[in-house]
Amino acid sequence: RKELLDLCTEQSQKFLVQGKYELAVPGALQSLKFAIEIYGGEAKELVPSYLLLAEANLGLRRLKIAEEFLSLANWNILKHPQAGSTMMSALQRNFG
């Protein structure tokens, strides 16, 4: 399962870099599903998937949906202060 999570995350990131936001969404959703299965619904490991989904939805101008994923990522980081500065930096970059 971890390998599938990594593969989905990697593919979604590639599509985001290429500006293919519509194609990034399914991989990001699947990575979130795998992360929940592996780590549970409250784990800090969900943050990267939330951020992928937020970024893809920002690219698609789905601002309300992007805001929801950013809020989920923010709440998750606040619950896990040990999450680290890398996750917080990525979150703040997306919050703009």
N, C-alpha and C. Protein backbone atom coordinates (compact mmCIF):
# COMPACT_ATOMS: atom_id res chain seq x y z
N ARG A 1 0.82 -1.20 0.00
CA ARG A 1 0.00 0.00 0.00
C ARG A 1 0.86 1.27 0.00
N LYS A 2 1.94 1.26 0.76
CA LYS A 2 2.81 2.44 0.83
C LYS A 2 3.39 2.78 -0.55
N GLU A 3 3.73 1.74 -1.31
CA GLU A 3 4.26 1.97 -2.65
C GLU A 3 3.21 2.61 -3.56
N LEU A 4 1.96 2.17 -3.41
CA LEU A 4 0.87 2.76 -4.19
C LEU A 4 0.63 4.21 -3.79
N LEU A 5 0.72 4.49 -2.50
CA LEU A 5 0.59 5.86 -2.02
C LEU A 5 1.67 6.74 -2.65
N ASP A 6 2.90 6.26 -2.62
CA ASP A 6 4.01 7.02 -3.20
C ASP A 6 3.83 7.23 -4.70
N LEU A 7 3.36 6.20 -5.39
CA LEU A 7 3.15 6.30 -6.84
C LEU A 7 2.06 7.32 -7.17
N CYS A 8 0.95 7.26 -6.47
CA CYS A 8 -0.15 8.22 -6.71
C CYS A 8 0.29 9.64 -6.42
N THR A 9 1.03 9.83 -5.33
CA THR A 9 1.52 11.15 -4.97
C THR A 9 2.46 11.68 -6.04
N GLU A 10 3.37 10.83 -6.48
CA GLU A 10 4.35 11.24 -7.50
C GLU A 10 3.67 11.61 -8.81
N GLN A 11 2.71 10.81 -9.24
CA GLN A 11 2.01 11.10 -10.50
C GLN A 11 1.21 12.40 -10.40
N SER A 12 0.56 12.59 -9.28
CA SER A 12 -0.21 13.82 -9.08
C SER A 12 0.72 15.04 -9.11
N GLN A 13 1.86 14.94 -8.47
CA GLN A 13 2.82 16.04 -8.47
C GLN A 13 3.32 16.33 -9.89
N LYS A 14 3.56 15.31 -10.67
CA LYS A 14 4.00 15.50 -12.06
C LYS A 14 2.97 16.27 -12.87
N PHE A 15 1.70 15.88 -12.71
CA PHE A 15 0.63 16.58 -13.44
C PHE A 15 0.50 18.03 -12.99
N LEU A 16 0.69 18.28 -11.69
CA LEU A 16 0.63 19.66 -11.20
C LEU A 16 1.74 20.51 -11.83
N VAL A 17 2.94 19.97 -11.88
CA VAL A 17 4.07 20.70 -12.47
C VAL A 17 3.80 20.99 -13.94
N GLN A 18 3.14 20.07 -14.63
CA GLN A 18 2.83 20.24 -16.06
C GLN A 18 1.61 21.14 -16.28
N GLY A 19 0.95 21.54 -15.20
CA GLY A 19 -0.24 22.37 -15.32
C GLY A 19 -1.48 21.60 -15.73
N LYS A 20 -1.44 20.28 -15.61
CA LYS A 20 -2.58 19.43 -15.94
C LYS A 20 -3.37 19.13 -14.66
N TYR A 21 -4.05 20.16 -14.18
CA TYR A 21 -4.69 20.08 -12.87
C TYR A 21 -5.81 19.05 -12.81
N GLU A 22 -6.57 18.94 -13.88
CA GLU A 22 -7.67 17.98 -13.92
C GLU A 22 -7.14 16.54 -13.77
N LEU A 23 -5.98 16.27 -14.35
CA LEU A 23 -5.39 14.94 -14.25
C LEU A 23 -4.73 14.70 -12.90
N ALA A 24 -4.39 15.77 -12.19
CA ALA A 24 -3.75 15.63 -10.88
C ALA A 24 -4.74 15.22 -9.79
N VAL A 25 -6.00 15.58 -9.97
CA VAL A 25 -7.00 15.34 -8.92
C VAL A 25 -7.20 13.85 -8.61
N PRO A 26 -7.40 12.97 -9.61
CA PRO A 26 -7.63 11.56 -9.26
C PRO A 26 -6.47 10.93 -8.49
N GLY A 27 -5.25 11.23 -8.89
CA GLY A 27 -4.08 10.68 -8.18
C GLY A 27 -3.99 11.20 -6.77
N ALA A 28 -4.30 12.48 -6.60
CA ALA A 28 -4.26 13.07 -5.26
C ALA A 28 -5.36 12.47 -4.37
N LEU A 29 -6.54 12.27 -4.93
CA LEU A 29 -7.61 11.63 -4.16
C LEU A 29 -7.25 10.20 -3.77
N GLN A 30 -6.64 9.49 -4.70
CA GLN A 30 -6.24 8.11 -4.40
C GLN A 30 -5.12 8.09 -3.35
N SER A 31 -4.21 9.06 -3.43
CA SER A 31 -3.14 9.11 -2.42
C SER A 31 -3.73 9.40 -1.04
N LEU A 32 -4.76 10.24 -0.98
CA LEU A 32 -5.42 10.51 0.29
C LEU A 32 -6.09 9.25 0.82
N LYS A 33 -6.74 8.52 -0.06
CA LYS A 33 -7.40 7.27 0.35
C LYS A 33 -6.39 6.28 0.92
N PHE A 34 -5.26 6.11 0.21
CA PHE A 34 -4.23 5.18 0.70
C PHE A 34 -3.62 5.68 2.01
N ALA A 35 -3.41 6.99 2.13
CA ALA A 35 -2.83 7.53 3.37
C ALA A 35 -3.76 7.27 4.55
N ILE A 36 -5.07 7.43 4.33
CA ILE A 36 -6.03 7.16 5.40
C ILE A 36 -6.01 5.68 5.78
N GLU A 37 -5.95 4.80 4.77
CA GLU A 37 -5.91 3.36 5.03
C GLU A 37 -4.65 2.97 5.81
N ILE A 38 -3.52 3.58 5.47
CA ILE A 38 -2.25 3.21 6.08
C ILE A 38 -2.08 3.86 7.46
N TYR A 39 -2.35 5.15 7.55
CA TYR A 39 -2.01 5.92 8.76
C TYR A 39 -3.21 6.27 9.63
N GLY A 40 -4.42 6.18 9.11
CA GLY A 40 -5.60 6.57 9.87
C GLY A 40 -6.05 7.98 9.50
N GLY A 41 -7.27 8.29 9.86
CA GLY A 41 -7.89 9.54 9.44
C GLY A 41 -7.40 10.80 10.13
N GLU A 42 -6.59 10.67 11.16
CA GLU A 42 -6.11 11.84 11.90
C GLU A 42 -4.61 12.04 11.80
N ALA A 43 -3.94 11.28 10.95
CA ALA A 43 -2.48 11.29 10.90
C ALA A 43 -1.93 12.51 10.16
N LYS A 44 -0.75 12.93 10.58
CA LYS A 44 -0.09 14.06 9.91
C LYS A 44 0.34 13.70 8.50
N GLU A 45 0.43 12.42 8.19
CA GLU A 45 0.82 11.96 6.86
C GLU A 45 -0.25 12.26 5.80
N LEU A 46 -1.41 12.73 6.22
CA LEU A 46 -2.46 13.11 5.27
C LEU A 46 -2.20 14.49 4.66
N VAL A 47 -1.39 15.29 5.31
CA VAL A 47 -1.17 16.68 4.88
C VAL A 47 -0.68 16.78 3.44
N PRO A 48 0.32 15.99 3.01
CA PRO A 48 0.75 16.13 1.61
C PRO A 48 -0.38 15.88 0.60
N SER A 49 -1.26 14.93 0.87
CA SER A 49 -2.38 14.68 -0.03
C SER A 49 -3.36 15.84 -0.02
N TYR A 50 -3.64 16.39 1.17
CA TYR A 50 -4.51 17.57 1.24
C TYR A 50 -3.93 18.72 0.43
N LEU A 51 -2.62 18.91 0.52
CA LEU A 51 -1.99 20.01 -0.19
C LEU A 51 -2.01 19.80 -1.70
N LEU A 52 -1.82 18.55 -2.13
CA LEU A 52 -1.94 18.25 -3.57
C LEU A 52 -3.34 18.57 -4.07
N LEU A 53 -4.33 18.16 -3.31
CA LEU A 53 -5.71 18.42 -3.71
C LEU A 53 -6.02 19.92 -3.71
N ALA A 54 -5.50 20.62 -2.74
CA ALA A 54 -5.71 22.08 -2.69
C ALA A 54 -5.07 22.75 -3.90
N GLU A 55 -3.85 22.38 -4.21
CA GLU A 55 -3.14 23.00 -5.33
C GLU A 55 -3.83 22.70 -6.66
N ALA A 56 -4.26 21.46 -6.85
CA ALA A 56 -4.96 21.09 -8.09
C ALA A 56 -6.26 21.88 -8.22
N ASN A 57 -6.99 22.00 -7.14
CA ASN A 57 -8.26 22.74 -7.19
C ASN A 57 -8.03 24.24 -7.35
N LEU A 58 -6.94 24.76 -6.82
CA LEU A 58 -6.60 26.16 -7.09
C LEU A 58 -6.36 26.37 -8.57
N GLY A 59 -5.64 25.44 -9.18
CA GLY A 59 -5.36 25.52 -10.61
C GLY A 59 -6.62 25.46 -11.45
N LEU A 60 -7.61 24.75 -10.95
CA LEU A 60 -8.89 24.62 -11.66
C LEU A 60 -9.87 25.73 -11.29
N ARG A 61 -9.43 26.66 -10.47
CA ARG A 61 -10.25 27.79 -10.02
C ARG A 61 -11.44 27.34 -9.17
N ARG A 62 -11.30 26.19 -8.55
CA ARG A 62 -12.32 25.71 -7.60
C ARG A 62 -11.87 26.18 -6.22
N LEU A 63 -12.05 27.45 -5.97
CA LEU A 63 -11.46 28.07 -4.79
C LEU A 63 -12.05 27.57 -3.48
N LYS A 64 -13.34 27.34 -3.46
CA LYS A 64 -13.99 26.87 -2.22
C LYS A 64 -13.48 25.47 -1.84
N ILE A 65 -13.35 24.60 -2.82
CA ILE A 65 -12.85 23.25 -2.56
C ILE A 65 -11.39 23.31 -2.12
N ALA A 66 -10.60 24.15 -2.79
CA ALA A 66 -9.19 24.31 -2.41
C ALA A 66 -9.09 24.81 -0.98
N GLU A 67 -9.94 25.75 -0.62
CA GLU A 67 -9.94 26.29 0.74
C GLU A 67 -10.25 25.20 1.77
N GLU A 68 -11.16 24.31 1.43
CA GLU A 68 -11.51 23.22 2.34
C GLU A 68 -10.32 22.30 2.58
N PHE A 69 -9.59 21.96 1.51
CA PHE A 69 -8.42 21.09 1.68
C PHE A 69 -7.30 21.80 2.44
N LEU A 70 -7.13 23.10 2.20
CA LEU A 70 -6.13 23.85 2.96
C LEU A 70 -6.51 23.92 4.43
N SER A 71 -7.79 24.05 4.72
CA SER A 71 -8.24 24.07 6.11
C SER A 71 -8.01 22.72 6.78
N LEU A 72 -8.27 21.64 6.05
CA LEU A 72 -8.00 20.31 6.61
C LEU A 72 -6.51 20.13 6.90
N ALA A 73 -5.66 20.57 5.98
CA ALA A 73 -4.22 20.47 6.18
C ALA A 73 -3.79 21.32 7.38
N ASN A 74 -4.32 22.53 7.47
CA ASN A 74 -3.98 23.42 8.57
C ASN A 74 -4.39 22.81 9.91
N TRP A 75 -5.60 22.31 9.99
CA TRP A 75 -6.10 21.70 11.22
C TRP A 75 -5.24 20.50 11.60
N ASN A 76 -4.88 19.70 10.62
CA ASN A 76 -4.05 18.53 10.88
C ASN A 76 -2.68 18.93 11.43
N ILE A 77 -2.08 19.96 10.86
CA ILE A 77 -0.77 20.41 11.33
C ILE A 77 -0.88 20.99 12.75
N LEU A 78 -1.97 21.71 13.02
CA LEU A 78 -2.16 22.26 14.36
C LEU A 78 -2.31 21.16 15.40
N LYS A 79 -2.91 20.04 15.02
CA LYS A 79 -3.07 18.91 15.94
C LYS A 79 -1.76 18.16 16.16
N HIS A 80 -0.81 18.34 15.24
CA HIS A 80 0.48 17.63 15.32
C HIS A 80 1.62 18.65 15.25
N PRO A 81 1.91 19.31 16.36
CA PRO A 81 2.96 20.33 16.34
C PRO A 81 4.33 19.77 15.91
N GLN A 82 4.50 18.48 16.05
CA GLN A 82 5.76 17.84 15.65
C GLN A 82 5.83 17.61 14.14
N ALA A 83 4.82 18.06 13.40
CA ALA A 83 4.77 17.84 11.96
C ALA A 83 5.97 18.43 11.24
N GLY A 84 6.51 19.49 11.77
CA GLY A 84 7.73 20.04 11.19
C GLY A 84 7.52 21.26 10.33
N SER A 85 8.60 21.95 10.12
CA SER A 85 8.55 23.21 9.38
C SER A 85 8.33 23.01 7.89
N THR A 86 8.70 21.85 7.35
CA THR A 86 8.52 21.60 5.92
C THR A 86 7.05 21.60 5.56
N MET A 87 6.24 20.88 6.36
CA MET A 87 4.80 20.84 6.10
C MET A 87 4.17 22.21 6.31
N MET A 88 4.59 22.91 7.34
CA MET A 88 4.04 24.23 7.61
C MET A 88 4.40 25.19 6.48
N SER A 89 5.60 25.09 5.98
CA SER A 89 6.03 25.94 4.87
C SER A 89 5.20 25.68 3.61
N ALA A 90 4.98 24.41 3.30
CA ALA A 90 4.17 24.05 2.13
C ALA A 90 2.74 24.56 2.29
N LEU A 91 2.21 24.45 3.49
CA LEU A 91 0.86 24.93 3.75
C LEU A 91 0.78 26.45 3.56
N GLN A 92 1.72 27.17 4.13
CA GLN A 92 1.70 28.64 4.02
C GLN A 92 1.90 29.09 2.59
N ARG A 93 2.69 28.35 1.82
CA ARG A 93 2.87 28.69 0.41
C ARG A 93 1.54 28.61 -0.34
N ASN A 94 0.74 27.60 -0.02
CA ASN A 94 -0.56 27.44 -0.69
C ASN A 94 -1.59 28.42 -0.17
N PHE A 95 -1.51 28.80 1.10
CA PHE A 95 -2.44 29.78 1.63
C PHE A 95 -2.20 31.15 1.01
N GLY A 96 -0.95 31.39 0.58
CA GLY A 96 -0.61 32.64 -0.09
C GLY A 96 -0.60 33.75 0.87
